[in-house]
PDB file of N, CA and C in Angstrom:
ATOM      1  N   UNK A   1       0.752  -1.020   0.031  1.00  0.00           N
ATOM      2  CA  UNK A   1      -0.151   0.014  -0.129  1.00  0.00           C
ATOM      3  C   UNK A   1       1.151   1.193   0.005  1.00  0.00           C
ATOM      4  N   UNK A   2       0.494   2.492  -0.780  1.00  0.00           N
ATOM      5  CA  UNK A   2       1.213   3.209  -0.918  1.00  0.00           C
ATOM      6  C   UNK A   2       0.308   4.667  -0.502  1.00  0.00           C
ATOM      7  N   UNK A   3       1.275   5.481   0.893  1.00  0.00           N
ATOM      8  CA  UNK A   3       0.762   6.099   1.547  1.00  0.00           C
ATOM      9  C   UNK A   3       1.394   7.488   1.545  1.00  0.00           C
ATOM     10  N   UNK A   4       1.139   8.662   1.554  1.00  0.00           N
ATOM     11  CA  UNK A   4       1.671  10.212   1.778  1.00  0.00           C
ATOM     12  C   UNK A   4       1.637  10.410   3.119  1.00  0.00           C
ATOM     13  N   UNK A   5       2.912  10.410   3.511  1.00  0.00           N
ATOM     14  CA  UNK A   5       2.950  11.125   5.012  1.00  0.00           C
ATOM     15  C   UNK A   5       2.558  12.897   5.244  1.00  0.00           C
ATOM     16  N   UNK A   6       1.791  13.140   5.545  1.00  0.00           N
ATOM     17  CA  UNK A   6       0.881  14.385   5.499  1.00  0.00           C
ATOM     18  C   UNK A   6       1.699  15.257   6.142  1.00  0.00           C
ATOM     19  N   UNK A   7       1.744  16.539   5.380  1.00  0.00           N
ATOM     20  CA  UNK A   7       2.535  17.513   6.336  1.00  0.00           C
ATOM     21  C   UNK A   7       1.511  18.450   7.089  1.00  0.00           C
ATOM     22  N   UNK A   8       2.092  19.159   7.988  1.00  0.00           N
ATOM     23  CA  UNK A   8       0.865  19.918   8.635  1.00  0.00           C
ATOM     24  C   UNK A   8      -0.175  20.327   8.171  1.00  0.00           C
ATOM     25  N   UNK A   9       0.051  21.197   7.151  1.00  0.00           N
ATOM     26  CA  UNK A   9      -1.302  22.060   6.437  1.00  0.00           C
ATOM     27  C   UNK A   9      -1.736  21.064   5.452  1.00  0.00           C
ATOM     28  N   UNK A  10      -1.467  19.761   5.128  1.00  0.00           N
ATOM     29  CA  UNK A  10      -2.317  18.913   4.200  1.00  0.00           C
ATOM     30  C   UNK A  10      -4.232  18.899   4.811  1.00  0.00           C
ATOM     31  N   UNK A  11      -3.964  18.664   6.070  1.00  0.00           N
ATOM     32  CA  UNK A  11      -5.454  18.752   6.490  1.00  0.00           C
ATOM     33  C   UNK A  11      -6.139  19.810   6.337  1.00  0.00           C
ATOM     34  N   UNK A  12      -5.727  20.910   6.349  1.00  0.00           N
ATOM     35  CA  UNK A  12      -6.266  22.276   6.319  1.00  0.00           C
ATOM     36  C   UNK A  12      -6.281  22.495   4.500  1.00  0.00           C
ATOM     37  N   UNK A  13      -5.845  22.194   3.547  1.00  0.00           N
ATOM     38  CA  UNK A  13      -5.613  22.512   2.376  1.00  0.00           C
ATOM     39  C   UNK A  13      -6.977  21.431   1.780  1.00  0.00           C
ATOM     40  N   UNK A  14      -7.018  20.394   2.291  1.00  0.00           N
ATOM     41  CA  UNK A  14      -8.379  19.807   2.013  1.00  0.00           C
ATOM     42  C   UNK A  14      -9.448  20.128   2.723  1.00  0.00           C
ATOM     43  N   UNK A  15      -9.595  20.650   3.782  1.00  0.00           N
ATOM     44  CA  UNK A  15     -10.872  21.059   4.727  1.00  0.00           C
ATOM     45  C   UNK A  15     -10.936  22.355   3.296  1.00  0.00           C
ATOM     46  N   UNK A  16     -10.071  23.283   3.009  1.00  0.00           N
ATOM     47  CA  UNK A  16     -10.620  24.557   2.341  1.00  0.00           C
ATOM     48  C   UNK A  16     -11.176  23.974   0.921  1.00  0.00           C
ATOM     49  N   UNK A  17     -10.367  22.882   0.267  1.00  0.00           N
ATOM     50  CA  UNK A  17     -11.096  22.716  -1.280  1.00  0.00           C
ATOM     51  C   UNK A  17     -12.315  21.837  -0.766  1.00  0.00           C
ATOM     52  N   UNK A  18     -12.554  21.206  -0.130  1.00  0.00           N
ATOM     53  CA  UNK A  18     -13.796  20.245   0.271  1.00  0.00           C
ATOM     54  C   UNK A  18     -14.876  21.646   0.789  1.00  0.00           C
ATOM     55  N   UNK A  19     -14.640  22.452   1.419  1.00  0.00           N
ATOM     56  CA  UNK A  19     -15.670  23.424   2.003  1.00  0.00           C
ATOM     57  C   UNK A  19     -15.849  24.237   0.577  1.00  0.00           C
ATOM     58  N   UNK A  20     -14.831  24.761  -0.022  1.00  0.00           N
ATOM     59  CA  UNK A  20     -15.321  25.188  -1.490  1.00  0.00           C
ATOM     60  C   UNK A  20     -15.733  24.355  -2.458  1.00  0.00           C
ATOM     61  N   UNK A  21     -15.772  23.131  -2.558  1.00  0.00           N
ATOM     62  CA  UNK A  21     -17.085  22.428  -3.099  1.00  0.00           C
ATOM     63  C   UNK A  21     -18.288  21.730  -2.657  1.00  0.00           C
ATOM     64  N   UNK A  22     -18.281  22.642  -1.549  1.00  0.00           N
ATOM     65  CA  UNK A  22     -19.677  22.409  -0.874  1.00  0.00           C
ATOM     66  C   UNK A  22     -20.138  21.263  -0.406  1.00  0.00           C
ATOM     67  N   UNK A  23     -19.228  20.288   0.000  1.00  0.00           N
ATOM     68  CA  UNK A  23     -19.211  19.034   0.486  1.00  0.00           C
ATOM     69  C   UNK A  23     -19.132  18.676   2.058  1.00  0.00           C
ATOM     70  N   UNK A  24     -19.983  18.440   2.768  1.00  0.00           N
ATOM     71  CA  UNK A  24     -19.808  18.025   4.360  1.00  0.00           C
ATOM     72  C   UNK A  24     -18.648  16.729   3.914  1.00  0.00           C
ATOM     73  N   UNK A  25     -18.015  16.265   5.095  1.00  0.00           N
ATOM     74  CA  UNK A  25     -17.139  15.296   5.035  1.00  0.00           C
ATOM     75  C   UNK A  25     -17.959  13.529   5.048  1.00  0.00           C
ATOM     76  N   UNK A  26     -18.775  13.322   5.301  1.00  0.00           N
ATOM     77  CA  UNK A  26     -20.298  12.495   4.790  1.00  0.00           C
ATOM     78  C   UNK A  26     -20.238  12.559   3.308  1.00  0.00           C
ATOM     79  N   UNK A  27     -20.391  13.921   2.831  1.00  0.00           N
ATOM     80  CA  UNK A  27     -21.110  13.510   1.428  1.00  0.00           C
ATOM     81  C   UNK A  27     -19.758  13.530   0.315  1.00  0.00           C
ATOM     82  N   UNK A  28     -18.271  14.031   0.991  1.00  0.00           N
ATOM     83  CA  UNK A  28     -17.219  13.838   0.043  1.00  0.00           C
ATOM     84  C   UNK A  28     -16.548  12.180   0.625  1.00  0.00           C
ATOM     85  N   UNK A  29     -17.062  11.486   1.626  1.00  0.00           N
ATOM     86  CA  UNK A  29     -16.521  10.189   1.745  1.00  0.00           C
ATOM     87  C   UNK A  29     -17.510   9.362   0.909  1.00  0.00           C
ATOM     88  N   UNK A  30     -19.101   9.537   0.834  1.00  0.00           N
ATOM     89  CA  UNK A  30     -19.592   9.312  -0.161  1.00  0.00           C
ATOM     90  C   UNK A  30     -19.354   9.278  -1.643  1.00  0.00           C
ATOM     91  N   UNK A  31     -19.203  10.010  -2.006  1.00  0.00           N
ATOM     92  CA  UNK A  31     -18.288  10.755  -3.331  1.00  0.00           C
ATOM     93  C   UNK A  31     -17.352   9.694  -3.675  1.00  0.00           C
ATOM     94  N   UNK A  32     -16.489   9.762  -2.667  1.00  0.00           N
ATOM     95  CA  UNK A  32     -15.208   8.593  -2.785  1.00  0.00           C
ATOM     96  C   UNK A  32     -15.613   7.601  -3.030  1.00  0.00           C
ATOM     97  N   UNK A  33     -16.524   6.903  -2.586  1.00  0.00           N
ATOM     98  CA  UNK A  33     -16.885   5.785  -2.689  1.00  0.00           C
ATOM     99  C   UNK A  33     -17.643   5.159  -3.744  1.00  0.00           C
ATOM    100  N   UNK A  34     -18.155   6.606  -4.737  1.00  0.00           N
ATOM    101  CA  UNK A  34     -18.876   5.942  -5.694  1.00  0.00           C
ATOM    102  C   UNK A  34     -17.330   6.015  -6.379  1.00  0.00           C
ATOM    103  N   UNK A  35     -16.446   6.404  -6.245  1.00  0.00           N
ATOM    104  CA  UNK A  35     -15.276   6.701  -7.516  1.00  0.00           C
ATOM    105  C   UNK A  35     -14.068   5.457  -6.758  1.00  0.00           C
ATOM    106  N   UNK A  36     -14.693   4.215  -6.022  1.00  0.00           N
ATOM    107  CA  UNK A  36     -14.225   2.911  -6.207  1.00  0.00           C
ATOM    108  C   UNK A  36     -13.455   3.162  -4.751  1.00  0.00           C
ATOM    109  N   UNK A  37     -13.602   4.365  -3.753  1.00  0.00           N
ATOM    110  CA  UNK A  37     -12.647   4.336  -2.220  1.00  0.00           C
ATOM    111  C   UNK A  37     -13.541   3.325  -1.383  1.00  0.00           C
ATOM    112  N   UNK A  38     -13.001   2.807  -0.567  1.00  0.00           N
ATOM    113  CA  UNK A  38     -13.648   2.418   0.536  1.00  0.00           C
ATOM    114  C   UNK A  38     -13.401   3.341   1.820  1.00  0.00           C
ATOM    115  N   UNK A  39     -13.298   4.273   1.784  1.00  0.00           N
ATOM    116  CA  UNK A  39     -13.174   5.585   2.922  1.00  0.00           C
ATOM    117  C   UNK A  39     -14.157   6.021   3.490  1.00  0.00           C
ATOM    118  N   UNK A  40     -14.573   5.890   5.022  1.00  0.00           N
ATOM    119  CA  UNK A  40     -15.833   6.337   5.475  1.00  0.00           C
ATOM    120  C   UNK A  40     -15.690   7.983   6.188  1.00  0.00           C
ATOM    121  N   UNK A  41     -16.780   8.343   6.175  1.00  0.00           N
ATOM    122  CA  UNK A  41     -16.242   9.771   7.134  1.00  0.00           C
ATOM    123  C   UNK A  41     -15.772   9.738   7.890  1.00  0.00           C
ATOM    124  N   UNK A  42     -15.487   8.941   9.047  1.00  0.00           N
ATOM    125  CA  UNK A  42     -14.379   9.049  10.333  1.00  0.00           C
ATOM    126  C   UNK A  42     -13.270   8.737   9.891  1.00  0.00           C
ATOM    127  N   UNK A  43     -12.813   8.060   8.839  1.00  0.00           N
ATOM    128  CA  UNK A  43     -11.436   7.802   8.323  1.00  0.00           C
ATOM    129  C   UNK A  43     -10.777   9.063   7.723  1.00  0.00           C
ATOM    130  N   UNK A  44     -12.043   9.993   6.578  1.00  0.00           N
ATOM    131  CA  UNK A  44     -11.609  10.775   5.951  1.00  0.00           C
ATOM    132  C   UNK A  44     -11.242  11.948   6.842  1.00  0.00           C
ATOM    133  N   UNK A  45     -12.454  12.189   8.222  1.00  0.00           N
ATOM    134  CA  UNK A  45     -12.196  13.018   9.302  1.00  0.00           C
ATOM    135  C   UNK A  45     -10.619  13.141   9.954  1.00  0.00           C
ATOM    136  N   UNK A  46     -10.051  12.070  10.015  1.00  0.00           N
ATOM    137  CA  UNK A  46      -8.875  11.578  10.722  1.00  0.00           C
ATOM    138  C   UNK A  46      -7.764  12.150   9.736  1.00  0.00           C
ATOM    139  N   UNK A  47      -7.962  11.840   8.547  1.00  0.00           N
ATOM    140  CA  UNK A  47      -7.146  12.470   7.302  1.00  0.00           C
ATOM    141  C   UNK A  47      -7.387  13.952   7.536  1.00  0.00           C
ATOM    142  N   UNK A  48      -7.974  14.589   7.608  1.00  0.00           N
ATOM    143  CA  UNK A  48      -8.246  16.175   7.308  1.00  0.00           C
ATOM    144  C   UNK A  48      -7.920  16.639   8.779  1.00  0.00           C
ATOM    145  N   UNK A  49      -7.730  15.930   9.745  1.00  0.00           N
ATOM    146  CA  UNK A  49      -7.448  16.683  11.508  1.00  0.00           C
ATOM    147  C   UNK A  49      -5.828  16.075  11.700  1.00  0.00           C
ATOM    148  N   UNK A  50      -5.292  15.247  10.513  1.00  0.00           N
ATOM    149  CA  UNK A  50      -3.521  15.411  10.737  1.00  0.00           C
ATOM    150  C   UNK A  50      -3.767  13.785  11.539  1.00  0.00           C
ATOM    151  N   UNK A  51      -4.556  13.278  11.846  1.00  0.00           N
ATOM    152  CA  UNK A  51      -4.222  12.010  12.719  1.00  0.00           C
ATOM    153  C   UNK A  51      -4.250  10.527  11.468  1.00  0.00           C
ATOM    154  N   UNK A  52      -4.383  10.982  10.529  1.00  0.00           N
ATOM    155  CA  UNK A  52      -4.238   9.473   9.639  1.00  0.00           C
ATOM    156  C   UNK A  52      -3.343   9.667   8.320  1.00  0.00           C
ATOM    157  N   UNK A  53      -2.807   9.294   7.618  1.00  0.00           N
ATOM    158  CA  UNK A  53      -2.340   9.059   6.461  1.00  0.00           C
ATOM    159  C   UNK A  53      -3.290   8.719   5.719  1.00  0.00           C
ATOM    160  N   UNK A  54      -2.937   9.269   4.272  1.00  0.00           N
ATOM    161  CA  UNK A  54      -4.039   9.088   3.241  1.00  0.00           C
ATOM    162  C   UNK A  54      -2.836   8.195   2.013  1.00  0.00           C
ATOM    163  N   UNK A  55      -3.981   7.506   1.388  1.00  0.00           N
ATOM    164  CA  UNK A  55      -3.648   6.259   0.480  1.00  0.00           C
ATOM    165  C   UNK A  55      -3.337   7.167  -0.796  1.00  0.00           C
ATOM    166  N   UNK A  56      -2.431   6.532  -1.723  1.00  0.00           N
ATOM    167  CA  UNK A  56      -2.496   7.867  -2.936  1.00  0.00           C
ATOM    168  C   UNK A  56      -3.406   7.271  -3.473  1.00  0.00           C
ATOM    169  N   UNK A  57      -4.193   6.261  -3.949  1.00  0.00           N
ATOM    170  CA  UNK A  57      -5.300   5.889  -4.714  1.00  0.00           C
ATOM    171  C   UNK A  57      -6.583   6.913  -3.867  1.00  0.00           C
ATOM    172  N   UNK A  58      -6.651   6.830  -3.129  1.00  0.00           N
ATOM    173  CA  UNK A  58      -7.430   7.944  -2.068  1.00  0.00           C
ATOM    174  C   UNK A  58      -7.386   9.740  -2.601  1.00  0.00           C
ATOM    175  N   UNK A  59      -6.292   9.677  -2.771  1.00  0.00           N
ATOM    176  CA  UNK A  59      -5.263  10.894  -3.091  1.00  0.00           C
ATOM    177  C   UNK A  59      -5.686  11.374  -4.375  1.00  0.00           C
ATOM    178  N   UNK A  60      -5.738  10.440  -5.091  1.00  0.00           N
ATOM    179  CA  UNK A  60      -6.142  10.594  -7.141  1.00  0.00           C
ATOM    180  C   UNK A  60      -7.775  10.811  -6.691  1.00  0.00           C
ATOM    181  N   UNK A  61      -8.569  10.077  -6.201  1.00  0.00           N
ATOM    182  CA  UNK A  61     -10.014  10.476  -6.017  1.00  0.00           C
ATOM    183  C   UNK A  61     -10.213  11.823  -5.697  1.00  0.00           C
ATOM    184  N   UNK A  62      -9.635  12.249  -4.590  1.00  0.00           N
ATOM    185  CA  UNK A  62      -9.957  13.700  -4.084  1.00  0.00           C
ATOM    186  C   UNK A  62      -9.096  14.792  -5.121  1.00  0.00           C
ATOM    187  N   UNK A  63      -8.398  14.499  -5.987  1.00  0.00           N
ATOM    188  CA  UNK A  63      -7.820  15.391  -7.208  1.00  0.00           C
ATOM    189  C   UNK A  63      -9.160  15.443  -7.571  1.00  0.00           C
ATOM    190  N   UNK A  64      -9.548  14.632  -8.548  1.00  0.00           N
ATOM    191  CA  UNK A  64     -10.624  14.430  -9.257  1.00  0.00           C
ATOM    192  C   UNK A  64     -12.021  14.903  -8.796  1.00  0.00           C
ATOM    193  N   UNK A  65     -12.351  14.792  -7.476  1.00  0.00           N
ATOM    194  CA  UNK A  65     -13.662  15.317  -6.954  1.00  0.00           C
ATOM    195  C   UNK A  65     -13.536  16.958  -6.831  1.00  0.00           C
ATOM    196  N   UNK A  66     -12.533  17.307  -6.046  1.00  0.00           N
ATOM    197  CA  UNK A  66     -12.201  18.499  -6.099  1.00  0.00           C
ATOM    198  C   UNK A  66     -12.079  19.493  -7.660  1.00  0.00           C
ATOM    199  N   UNK A  67     -11.451  18.293  -8.226  1.00  0.00           N
ATOM    200  CA  UNK A  67     -10.952  19.126  -9.906  1.00  0.00           C
ATOM    201  C   UNK A  67      -9.936  20.271  -9.559  1.00  0.00           C
ATOM    202  N   UNK A  68      -9.026  19.779  -9.081  1.00  0.00           N
ATOM    203  CA  UNK A  68      -7.646  20.604  -8.555  1.00  0.00           C
ATOM    204  C   UNK A  68      -6.739  19.866  -9.792  1.00  0.00           C
ATOM    205  N   UNK A  69      -5.272  20.427  -9.243  1.00  0.00           N
ATOM    206  CA  UNK A  69      -3.844  19.702  -9.797  1.00  0.00           C
ATOM    207  C   UNK A  69      -3.459  19.462  -8.480  1.00  0.00           C
ATOM    208  N   UNK A  70      -2.392  18.413  -8.595  1.00  0.00           N
ATOM    209  CA  UNK A  70      -1.984  17.838  -7.961  1.00  0.00           C
ATOM    210  C   UNK A  70      -0.871  18.891  -6.932  1.00  0.00           C
ATOM    211  N   UNK A  71      -0.734  19.823  -7.557  1.00  0.00           N
ATOM    212  CA  UNK A  71      -0.208  21.619  -6.963  1.00  0.00           C
ATOM    213  C   UNK A  71      -1.061  21.536  -5.857  1.00  0.00           C
ATOM    214  N   UNK A  72      -2.025  22.090  -6.549  1.00  0.00           N
ATOM    215  CA  UNK A  72      -3.101  22.657  -5.488  1.00  0.00           C
ATOM    216  C   UNK A  72      -3.641  21.713  -4.456  1.00  0.00           C
ATOM    217  N   UNK A  73      -3.510  20.182  -4.663  1.00  0.00           N
ATOM    218  CA  UNK A  73      -3.972  19.501  -3.857  1.00  0.00           C
ATOM    219  C   UNK A  73      -2.909  19.258  -2.530  1.00  0.00           C
ATOM    220  N   UNK A  74      -1.880  19.126  -2.950  1.00  0.00           N
ATOM    221  CA  UNK A  74      -0.938  18.945  -1.986  1.00  0.00           C
ATOM    222  C   UNK A  74       0.417  20.113  -1.456  1.00  0.00           C
ATOM    223  N   UNK A  75      -0.771  21.369  -1.925  1.00  0.00           N
ATOM    224  CA  UNK A  75       0.024  22.772  -1.304  1.00  0.00           C
ATOM    225  C   UNK A  75       1.878  22.961  -1.765  1.00  0.00           C
ATOM    226  N   UNK A  76       2.685  23.016  -0.702  1.00  0.00           N
ATOM    227  CA  UNK A  76       4.237  22.990  -0.492  1.00  0.00           C
ATOM    228  C   UNK A  76       4.461  21.647  -0.800  1.00  0.00           C
ATOM    229  N   UNK A  77       3.793  20.602  -0.411  1.00  0.00           N
ATOM    230  CA  UNK A  77       4.345  19.357  -0.359  1.00  0.00           C
ATOM    231  C   UNK A  77       4.622  18.901  -1.785  1.00  0.00           C
ATOM    232  N   UNK A  78       4.056  19.321  -2.654  1.00  0.00           N
ATOM    233  CA  UNK A  78       4.201  18.976  -4.261  1.00  0.00           C
ATOM    234  C   UNK A  78       5.475  19.654  -4.751  1.00  0.00           C
ATOM    235  N   UNK A  79       5.679  20.761  -4.173  1.00  0.00           N
ATOM    236  CA  UNK A  79       7.592  20.969  -4.563  1.00  0.00           C
ATOM    237  C   UNK A  79       8.387  20.593  -4.012  1.00  0.00           C
ATOM    238  N   UNK A  80       8.021  19.328  -2.897  1.00  0.00           N
ATOM    239  CA  UNK A  80       9.523  18.678  -2.593  1.00  0.00           C
ATOM    240  C   UNK A  80       9.957  17.295  -3.212  1.00  0.00           C
TER     241      UNK A  80
END
């Protein structure tokens, strides 16, 4: 399993993008499941709050749902 180790601000970037799309955590988890993820709202909340890492496959789904580039999705982490 591939995972990305979160930087401090990754969860905040996800929260901002989720709010920009007008999605609750539950609605986002549902959208992710429709795209093939098994992520629950609780798991997403842990990722957003920095308590859990995210799988690369889920990162790809978030990019698609949010309609952003990897640079926008990962912020400063994309430049490393």
